[in-house]
Amino acid sequence: MHELCRELVRQGVDISVFTSNADDPEGMLHVPVGIPQGVDGVEVTYFPLNLRIGSIAMKFVSALREVIATYDLLHLHGIYQSFTFAGSRVARSRGFPYIIAPRGMLNPFAMSQKGWLKKYLFVELVGRRDINCAAGIHYTTDEEMRAVERFNFRRTGFVIPNGIDPKEYIEPEKPCRFVDRYHHLQNKQVILYLGRLHPQKGLELLIEAFEKLAGSRPDLHLLIAGPDGTDYSESLKNLVSQKGLKNRVDFTGFLSGDDKLKAFYLAKMFVLPSYFESFGMALIEAMCCGKPVVITKQVNLAPDVIEYEAGLVTGCKSSDIANAMAYLLDHPDEGVAIGKRGRQLVENRFRWDKVARDLIEVYDDILFGQKKSPAWRRGIDFRNK
């Protein structure tokens, strides 16, 4: 979101960001609260998060009421947050246009997880009105929009993806901690997963698929990068130990900056075995680095990957994932060609400058009562309309 706002500012949009001082998973950000801060050219105001119910909403409402008349449009991100609940009500009370971006929270898989009943009740009793009164619903993929259509919201949606700046994904030349720590991988064929360690990511499938290949490929190694220290990550490590793969699998913890880039460029391929993936930022990062990818059909960017032949798309079965990985390992030239097509996909559809221009077109459409932007979608059969 920060990168999107940064690019919108660069293209001449006047933006103020209201958010909380929560910092997952570390606790609280050490930032001034209630005072606008300049962050890479974007004005950001952090509101305090604590255990008192409604404390964010009330401070946010007061600040929003004070400044809303100086802006043209309110763009809300998320469904269950107090910012969306309170912001949509302030906007309606002022007759002010607003947009809601569900950010994958209304997908059937996401809603079926922990707290599913509360989620459904919230959508029906609270969220439905907020969404139906919005000027538009912002989806990041066509597949996300299709999944949400079962709710029969009255508002038309539009599809604007997340983006990336390819200039920030050039292989770093200088040494970094990652190289020092994982120097034993330099002559290995490395399979990389990078992202959250969460049950929806299907990492048990990846470990089982890796096991199927590891016995006959002694130079194969699996690198799992993502925030560590959770019960789920411990269960994954136990699974690795049970399968006798402890010396063939590394858990790196969270990677960022040059460490993350080095991991991408070291890998032979990137694998995303998710049971559900609303978008997949790590996927477009991997493609931007020219890596062939293996993903499941449940990743919402799968149609884009298929269209560009930018990777292999499989079912959510360890055998399917293993076969796809084996194909890329056995056909390295094809893997290079696939990686180049993936980079082209990123250049064509996911550059921040293009994403921001498309979003500005939608903003203009809303403010001037038009729907000329191709980002607008009208119903589940929109491809044929």
Protein backbone atom coordinates (compact mmCIF):
# COMPACT_ATOMS: atom_id res chain seq x y z
CA MET A 1 0.00 0.00 0.00
CA HIS A 2 2.83 2.38 0.79
CA GLU A 3 4.44 1.78 -2.60
CA LEU A 4 1.09 2.44 -4.32
CA CYS A 5 0.65 5.70 -2.42
CA ARG A 6 4.22 6.71 -3.17
CA GLU A 7 3.62 6.23 -6.91
CA LEU A 8 0.26 8.05 -6.80
CA VAL A 9 1.99 11.03 -5.18
CA ARG A 10 4.67 10.91 -7.86
CA GLN A 11 1.91 11.11 -10.49
CA GLY A 12 0.37 14.18 -8.87
CA VAL A 13 -2.29 12.80 -6.51
CA ASP A 14 -2.62 14.55 -3.12
CA ILE A 15 -2.80 11.75 -0.54
CA SER A 16 -3.12 11.44 3.22
CA VAL A 17 -2.84 7.97 4.75
CA PHE A 18 -4.57 7.12 8.03
CA THR A 19 -3.44 3.87 9.65
CA SER A 20 -2.66 2.36 13.06
CA ASN A 21 0.69 1.99 14.80
CA ALA A 22 0.37 -1.81 14.84
CA ASP A 23 3.43 -3.66 13.57
CA ASP A 24 2.76 -7.33 12.92
CA PRO A 25 4.38 -9.42 14.32
CA GLU A 26 6.63 -7.16 16.41
CA GLY A 27 3.96 -5.25 18.37
CA MET A 28 3.84 -1.47 18.01
CA LEU A 29 5.70 0.88 15.69
CA HIS A 30 7.80 3.47 17.48
CA VAL A 31 6.23 6.46 15.72
CA PRO A 32 4.46 9.63 16.87
CA VAL A 33 0.69 9.11 16.93
CA GLY A 34 -1.95 11.55 15.78
CA ILE A 35 0.63 13.76 14.01
CA PRO A 36 1.12 13.63 10.21
CA GLN A 37 4.51 12.20 9.25
CA GLY A 38 6.33 12.37 5.93
CA VAL A 39 7.24 8.84 4.79
CA ASP A 40 8.97 8.76 1.39
CA GLY A 41 6.96 11.76 0.27
CA VAL A 42 3.64 10.36 1.55
CA GLU A 43 1.81 12.00 4.46
CA VAL A 44 0.97 9.29 7.00
CA THR A 45 -0.89 9.68 10.30
CA TYR A 46 -0.66 6.81 12.80
CA PHE A 47 -3.46 6.26 15.27
CA PRO A 48 -2.80 4.44 18.56
CA LEU A 49 -3.82 0.85 18.89
CA ASN A 50 -4.58 -0.52 22.34
CA LEU A 51 -6.98 -2.90 24.05
CA ARG A 52 -9.80 -0.43 24.55
CA ILE A 53 -12.48 -1.34 22.04
CA GLY A 54 -13.21 1.49 19.64
CA SER A 55 -10.22 3.59 20.62
CA ILE A 56 -8.89 3.64 17.06
CA ALA A 57 -12.28 4.27 15.53
CA MET A 58 -13.07 7.31 17.68
CA LYS A 59 -9.71 9.03 17.12
CA PHE A 60 -9.84 8.17 13.44
CA VAL A 61 -13.42 9.45 13.08
CA SER A 62 -12.54 12.76 14.71
CA ALA A 63 -9.53 13.28 12.44
CA LEU A 64 -11.40 12.18 9.31
CA ARG A 65 -14.33 14.50 9.98
CA GLU A 66 -11.89 17.37 10.35
CA VAL A 67 -10.09 16.86 7.01
CA ILE A 68 -12.53 15.03 4.74
CA ALA A 69 -13.88 18.17 3.08
CA THR A 70 -10.40 19.00 1.76
CA TYR A 71 -10.25 15.79 -0.30
CA ASP A 72 -12.26 14.25 -3.14
CA LEU A 73 -12.33 10.52 -2.42
CA LEU A 74 -11.82 8.00 0.40
CA HIS A 75 -10.17 4.65 -0.40
CA LEU A 76 -10.67 2.06 2.37
CA HIS A 77 -8.69 -1.18 2.51
CA GLY A 78 -10.00 -4.25 4.33
CA ILE A 79 -13.40 -5.39 5.55
CA TYR A 80 -13.27 -6.10 9.29
CA GLN A 81 -11.09 -3.20 10.44
CA SER A 82 -12.56 -0.36 12.46
CA PHE A 83 -11.15 2.06 9.88
CA THR A 84 -13.46 0.65 7.19
CA PHE A 85 -16.46 0.49 9.51
CA ALA A 86 -16.03 4.04 10.78
CA GLY A 87 -14.70 5.59 7.57
CA SER A 88 -17.62 4.45 5.44
CA ARG A 89 -20.08 5.95 7.93
CA VAL A 90 -18.31 9.29 8.04
CA ALA A 91 -18.27 9.35 4.23
CA ARG A 92 -21.99 8.52 3.95
CA SER A 93 -22.92 11.15 6.49
CA ARG A 94 -21.16 13.75 4.32
CA GLY A 95 -22.34 12.41 0.96
CA PHE A 96 -18.70 11.71 0.20
CA PRO A 97 -17.63 9.03 -2.35
CA TYR A 98 -15.62 6.11 -1.06
CA ILE A 99 -14.15 2.85 -2.35
CA ILE A 100 -13.72 -0.42 -0.44
CA ALA A 101 -10.96 -2.92 -1.27
CA PRO A 102 -11.71 -6.35 0.33
CA ARG A 103 -8.08 -7.47 -0.09
CA GLY A 104 -9.07 -11.14 -0.30
CA MET A 105 -11.01 -11.11 2.97
CA LEU A 106 -14.29 -12.14 1.27
CA ASN A 107 -12.88 -15.19 -0.49
CA PRO A 108 -14.72 -18.40 0.56
CA PHE A 109 -11.51 -20.05 1.82
CA ALA A 110 -10.48 -17.00 3.83
CA MET A 111 -13.93 -16.72 5.38
CA SER A 112 -14.06 -20.42 6.25
CA GLN A 113 -11.03 -20.16 8.52
CA LYS A 114 -10.89 -19.23 12.21
CA GLY A 115 -13.86 -17.11 13.30
CA TRP A 116 -15.91 -17.97 10.20
CA LEU A 117 -19.29 -17.37 11.86
CA LYS A 118 -18.28 -13.91 13.12
CA LYS A 119 -17.04 -13.05 9.64
CA TYR A 120 -20.28 -14.02 7.92
CA LEU A 121 -22.38 -12.23 10.52
CA PHE A 122 -20.24 -9.10 10.18
CA VAL A 123 -20.57 -9.07 6.39
CA GLU A 124 -24.33 -9.53 6.48
CA LEU A 125 -25.10 -7.21 9.40
CA VAL A 126 -22.48 -4.50 8.88
CA GLY A 127 -20.28 -4.93 5.84
CA ARG A 128 -23.05 -5.34 3.25
CA ARG A 129 -24.33 -1.80 3.72
CA ASP A 130 -20.81 -0.36 3.69
CA ILE A 131 -20.05 -2.12 0.40
CA ASN A 132 -23.41 -1.50 -1.26
CA CYS A 133 -23.10 2.23 -0.61
CA ALA A 134 -19.54 2.45 -1.89
CA ALA A 135 -18.79 4.10 -5.22
CA GLY A 136 -16.94 0.95 -6.27
CA ILE A 137 -15.35 -2.26 -5.03
CA HIS A 138 -11.61 -2.58 -5.64
CA TYR A 139 -10.41 -6.11 -6.43
CA THR A 140 -6.81 -7.02 -7.20
CA THR A 141 -7.62 -9.91 -9.55
CA ASP A 142 -10.50 -11.08 -11.73
CA GLU A 143 -10.65 -14.29 -9.68
CA GLU A 144 -11.14 -12.34 -6.43
CA MET A 145 -14.07 -10.52 -8.01
CA ARG A 146 -15.67 -13.77 -9.17
CA ALA A 147 -15.36 -15.29 -5.71
CA VAL A 148 -17.14 -12.32 -4.11
CA GLU A 149 -20.06 -12.30 -6.53
CA ARG A 150 -21.92 -14.90 -4.45
CA PHE A 151 -22.75 -12.06 -2.03
CA ASN A 152 -24.68 -10.19 -4.75
CA PHE A 153 -23.44 -6.78 -3.72
CA ARG A 154 -25.12 -3.97 -5.65
CA ARG A 155 -21.95 -2.11 -6.54
CA THR A 156 -19.89 -2.66 -9.67
CA GLY A 157 -16.32 -3.73 -9.10
CA PHE A 158 -13.08 -2.82 -10.79
CA VAL A 159 -9.80 -4.74 -10.98
CA ILE A 160 -6.52 -2.99 -10.27
CA PRO A 161 -3.65 -5.30 -9.22
CA ASN A 162 -0.86 -4.75 -6.76
CA GLY A 163 2.38 -3.62 -8.34
CA ILE A 164 6.13 -3.76 -8.26
CA ASP A 165 9.08 -1.59 -9.28
CA PRO A 166 11.38 -3.77 -11.42
CA LYS A 167 14.32 -1.43 -10.75
CA GLU A 168 14.27 -2.61 -7.12
CA TYR A 169 14.69 -6.27 -8.10
CA ILE A 170 18.14 -6.27 -9.70
CA GLU A 171 20.50 -8.86 -8.22
CA PRO A 172 22.67 -7.14 -5.59
CA GLU A 173 26.41 -7.34 -6.16
CA LYS A 174 27.63 -6.69 -2.63
CA PRO A 175 27.84 -9.50 -0.03
CA CYS A 176 25.10 -9.76 2.59
CA ARG A 177 24.22 -11.84 5.64
CA PHE A 178 22.24 -14.31 3.56
CA VAL A 179 25.29 -15.24 1.44
CA ASP A 180 27.44 -15.73 4.55
CA ARG A 181 24.83 -17.79 6.35
CA TYR A 182 23.82 -20.03 3.41
CA HIS A 183 27.12 -20.36 1.55
CA HIS A 184 26.56 -24.16 1.52
CA LEU A 185 23.80 -23.65 -1.06
CA GLN A 186 25.99 -22.13 -3.77
CA ASN A 187 26.36 -25.38 -5.72
CA LYS A 188 22.87 -26.71 -4.97
CA GLN A 189 19.66 -26.69 -6.97
CA VAL A 190 17.51 -24.59 -4.66
CA ILE A 191 13.72 -24.60 -4.56
CA LEU A 192 12.40 -21.47 -2.85
CA TYR A 193 9.22 -20.64 -0.99
CA LEU A 194 9.02 -17.09 0.38
CA GLY A 195 6.05 -15.66 2.25
CA ARG A 196 4.03 -16.09 5.41
CA LEU A 197 4.19 -19.44 7.14
CA HIS A 198 0.45 -20.08 7.36
CA PRO A 199 -1.72 -23.19 6.87
CA GLN A 200 -3.37 -21.66 3.79
CA LYS A 201 0.02 -21.66 2.02
CA GLY A 202 0.06 -25.46 1.65
CA LEU A 203 3.65 -25.86 2.79
CA GLU A 204 3.05 -29.47 3.85
CA LEU A 205 2.35 -30.17 0.17
CA LEU A 206 5.67 -28.56 -0.79
CA ILE A 207 7.61 -30.59 1.80
CA GLU A 208 5.94 -33.82 0.63
CA ALA A 209 6.65 -32.92 -3.01
CA PHE A 210 10.27 -32.17 -2.16
CA GLU A 211 10.56 -35.55 -0.41
CA LYS A 212 9.47 -37.30 -3.62
CA LEU A 213 12.39 -35.72 -5.51
CA ALA A 214 15.09 -35.49 -2.85
CA GLY A 215 16.03 -39.18 -2.78
CA SER A 216 17.14 -39.28 -6.41
CA ARG A 217 18.55 -35.73 -6.51
CA PRO A 218 21.29 -35.30 -3.87
CA ASP A 219 22.01 -31.71 -4.96
CA LEU A 220 18.42 -30.57 -4.38
CA HIS A 221 17.70 -28.24 -1.45
CA LEU A 222 14.53 -26.57 -0.16
CA LEU A 223 14.60 -23.03 1.24
CA ILE A 224 11.54 -21.87 3.21
CA ALA A 225 11.69 -18.14 3.94
CA GLY A 226 9.12 -16.42 6.13
CA PRO A 227 8.38 -15.23 9.68
CA ASP A 228 9.32 -17.97 12.12
CA GLY A 229 8.48 -18.83 15.73
CA THR A 230 4.81 -19.79 15.32
CA ASP A 231 3.12 -23.08 16.14
CA TYR A 232 2.67 -23.68 12.42
CA SER A 233 6.36 -23.17 11.62
CA GLU A 234 7.26 -25.61 14.41
CA SER A 235 4.87 -28.18 12.94
CA LEU A 236 6.57 -27.77 9.55
CA LYS A 237 10.00 -28.29 11.11
CA ASN A 238 8.70 -31.42 12.86
CA LEU A 239 7.39 -32.71 9.52
CA VAL A 240 10.79 -32.12 7.93
CA SER A 241 12.50 -34.03 10.75
CA GLN A 242 10.02 -36.92 10.53
CA LYS A 243 10.80 -37.30 6.83
CA GLY A 244 14.55 -37.28 7.45
CA LEU A 245 15.06 -34.06 5.49
CA LYS A 246 16.56 -31.87 8.21
CA ASN A 247 19.84 -31.45 6.32
CA ARG A 248 18.04 -30.74 3.05
CA VAL A 249 15.66 -28.00 4.19
CA ASP A 250 16.49 -24.57 5.65
CA PHE A 251 14.06 -22.26 7.41
CA THR A 252 15.51 -18.76 7.05
CA GLY A 253 12.98 -16.69 8.98
CA PHE A 254 11.88 -13.33 7.58
CA LEU A 255 14.02 -12.00 4.71
CA SER A 256 14.08 -8.46 3.34
CA GLY A 257 16.25 -6.17 1.26
CA ASP A 258 19.37 -7.71 -0.29
CA ASP A 259 18.87 -10.93 1.70
CA LYS A 260 15.51 -11.49 0.01
CA LEU A 261 16.88 -10.67 -3.44
CA LYS A 262 19.83 -13.03 -2.97
CA ALA A 263 17.41 -15.82 -2.07
CA PHE A 264 15.39 -15.21 -5.25
CA TYR A 265 18.45 -15.16 -7.48
CA LEU A 266 20.00 -18.22 -5.84
CA ALA A 267 16.85 -20.29 -6.46
CA LYS A 268 16.24 -22.42 -9.55
CA MET A 269 12.50 -21.90 -9.16
CA PHE A 270 9.87 -20.40 -6.87
CA VAL A 271 6.98 -22.53 -5.59
CA LEU A 272 3.68 -21.23 -4.18
CA PRO A 273 1.55 -24.26 -3.19
CA SER A 274 -1.33 -22.29 -1.64
CA TYR A 275 -4.83 -23.57 -0.96
CA PHE A 276 -5.89 -19.95 -1.47
CA GLU A 277 -3.96 -16.88 -2.57
CA SER A 278 -5.81 -13.62 -3.14
CA PHE A 279 -2.91 -12.12 -5.07
CA GLY A 280 0.64 -13.29 -4.34
CA MET A 281 3.20 -10.49 -4.04
CA ALA A 282 6.09 -12.94 -3.67
CA LEU A 283 4.97 -14.54 -6.93
CA ILE A 284 5.39 -11.35 -8.95
CA GLU A 285 8.67 -10.67 -7.11
CA ALA A 286 9.96 -14.07 -8.24
CA MET A 287 8.83 -13.47 -11.83
CA CYS A 288 10.42 -10.03 -11.76
CA CYS A 289 13.70 -11.78 -10.87
CA GLY A 290 13.25 -13.99 -13.93
CA LYS A 291 12.50 -17.18 -12.01
CA PRO A 292 10.22 -19.93 -13.33
CA VAL A 293 7.33 -20.51 -10.93
CA VAL A 294 5.20 -23.43 -9.84
CA ILE A 295 1.83 -22.43 -8.40
CA THR A 296 -1.51 -24.06 -7.66
CA LYS A 297 -4.77 -23.27 -9.44
CA GLN A 298 -5.98 -21.64 -6.22
CA VAL A 299 -3.54 -18.74 -6.67
CA ASN A 300 -5.65 -15.94 -8.15
CA LEU A 301 -2.91 -14.90 -10.57
CA ALA A 302 -2.92 -18.38 -12.15
CA PRO A 303 -4.84 -17.19 -15.27
CA ASP A 304 -2.17 -14.54 -15.91
CA VAL A 305 0.62 -17.09 -15.49
CA ILE A 306 -1.14 -19.48 -17.88
CA GLU A 307 -1.78 -16.76 -20.46
CA TYR A 308 1.89 -15.75 -20.57
CA GLU A 309 3.20 -19.32 -20.12
CA ALA A 310 5.15 -17.83 -17.23
CA GLY A 311 5.07 -20.89 -14.99
CA LEU A 312 3.50 -24.27 -14.31
CA VAL A 313 0.04 -24.36 -12.70
CA THR A 314 -0.90 -27.51 -10.78
CA GLY A 315 -3.57 -28.98 -8.57
CA CYS A 316 -3.27 -28.89 -4.78
CA LYS A 317 -1.58 -32.30 -4.64
CA SER A 318 1.99 -33.03 -3.64
CA SER A 319 2.38 -35.37 -6.62
CA ASP A 320 1.32 -32.64 -9.06
CA ILE A 321 3.70 -30.15 -7.48
CA ALA A 322 6.54 -32.69 -7.52
CA ASN A 323 5.97 -33.43 -11.23
CA ALA A 324 6.06 -29.71 -12.08
CA MET A 325 9.26 -29.16 -10.10
CA ALA A 326 10.86 -32.20 -11.72
CA TYR A 327 9.99 -30.89 -15.19
CA LEU A 328 11.73 -27.58 -14.52
CA LEU A 329 14.77 -29.34 -13.04
CA ASP A 330 15.02 -31.67 -16.04
CA HIS A 331 14.48 -28.90 -18.62
CA PRO A 332 16.68 -25.99 -17.47
CA ASP A 333 16.53 -24.19 -20.84
CA GLU A 334 12.74 -24.22 -20.73
CA GLY A 335 12.93 -22.90 -17.18
CA VAL A 336 14.99 -19.95 -18.39
CA ALA A 337 12.47 -19.24 -21.17
CA ILE A 338 9.58 -19.45 -18.70
CA GLY A 339 11.40 -17.03 -16.38
CA LYS A 340 11.82 -14.53 -19.21
CA ARG A 341 8.10 -14.70 -20.00
CA GLY A 342 7.33 -14.14 -16.33
CA ARG A 343 9.49 -11.02 -16.32
CA GLN A 344 7.57 -9.79 -19.38
CA LEU A 345 4.26 -10.41 -17.60
CA VAL A 346 5.43 -8.22 -14.73
CA GLU A 347 6.58 -5.48 -17.11
CA ASN A 348 3.27 -5.50 -18.96
CA ARG A 349 0.79 -5.68 -16.07
CA PHE A 350 2.33 -5.09 -12.67
CA ARG A 351 4.61 -2.07 -12.87
CA TRP A 352 3.66 0.54 -10.27
CA ASP A 353 3.59 3.36 -12.81
CA LYS A 354 0.95 1.51 -14.88
CA VAL A 355 -1.03 0.38 -11.82
CA ALA A 356 -1.18 3.95 -10.49
CA ARG A 357 -2.26 5.37 -13.88
CA ASP A 358 -5.06 2.81 -14.09
CA LEU A 359 -6.22 3.62 -10.57
CA ILE A 360 -6.22 7.35 -11.30
CA GLU A 361 -8.50 6.64 -14.29
CA VAL A 362 -10.92 4.87 -11.96
CA TYR A 363 -10.78 7.75 -9.48
CA ASP A 364 -11.64 10.16 -12.31
CA ASP A 365 -14.50 7.92 -13.44
CA ILE A 366 -16.00 7.96 -9.94
CA LEU A 367 -15.61 11.69 -9.46
CA PHE A 368 -17.03 12.58 -12.87
CA GLY A 369 -19.79 9.97 -13.04
CA GLN A 370 -18.24 7.89 -15.83
CA LYS A 371 -17.03 4.31 -16.20
CA LYS A 372 -14.67 4.55 -19.13
CA SER A 373 -11.70 2.77 -17.59
CA PRO A 374 -11.23 -0.86 -18.77
CA ALA A 375 -10.64 -1.76 -15.12
CA TRP A 376 -14.40 -1.75 -14.46
CA ARG A 377 -16.09 -5.17 -14.47
CA ARG A 378 -19.79 -5.85 -14.85
CA GLY A 379 -20.82 -9.27 -13.64
CA ILE A 380 -19.36 -12.75 -13.72
CA ASP A 381 -19.43 -12.98 -17.53
CA PHE A 382 -17.61 -9.67 -17.99
CA ARG A 383 -15.10 -11.23 -20.42
CA ASN A 384 -17.92 -11.76 -22.91
CA LYS A 385 -19.52 -8.33 -22.56
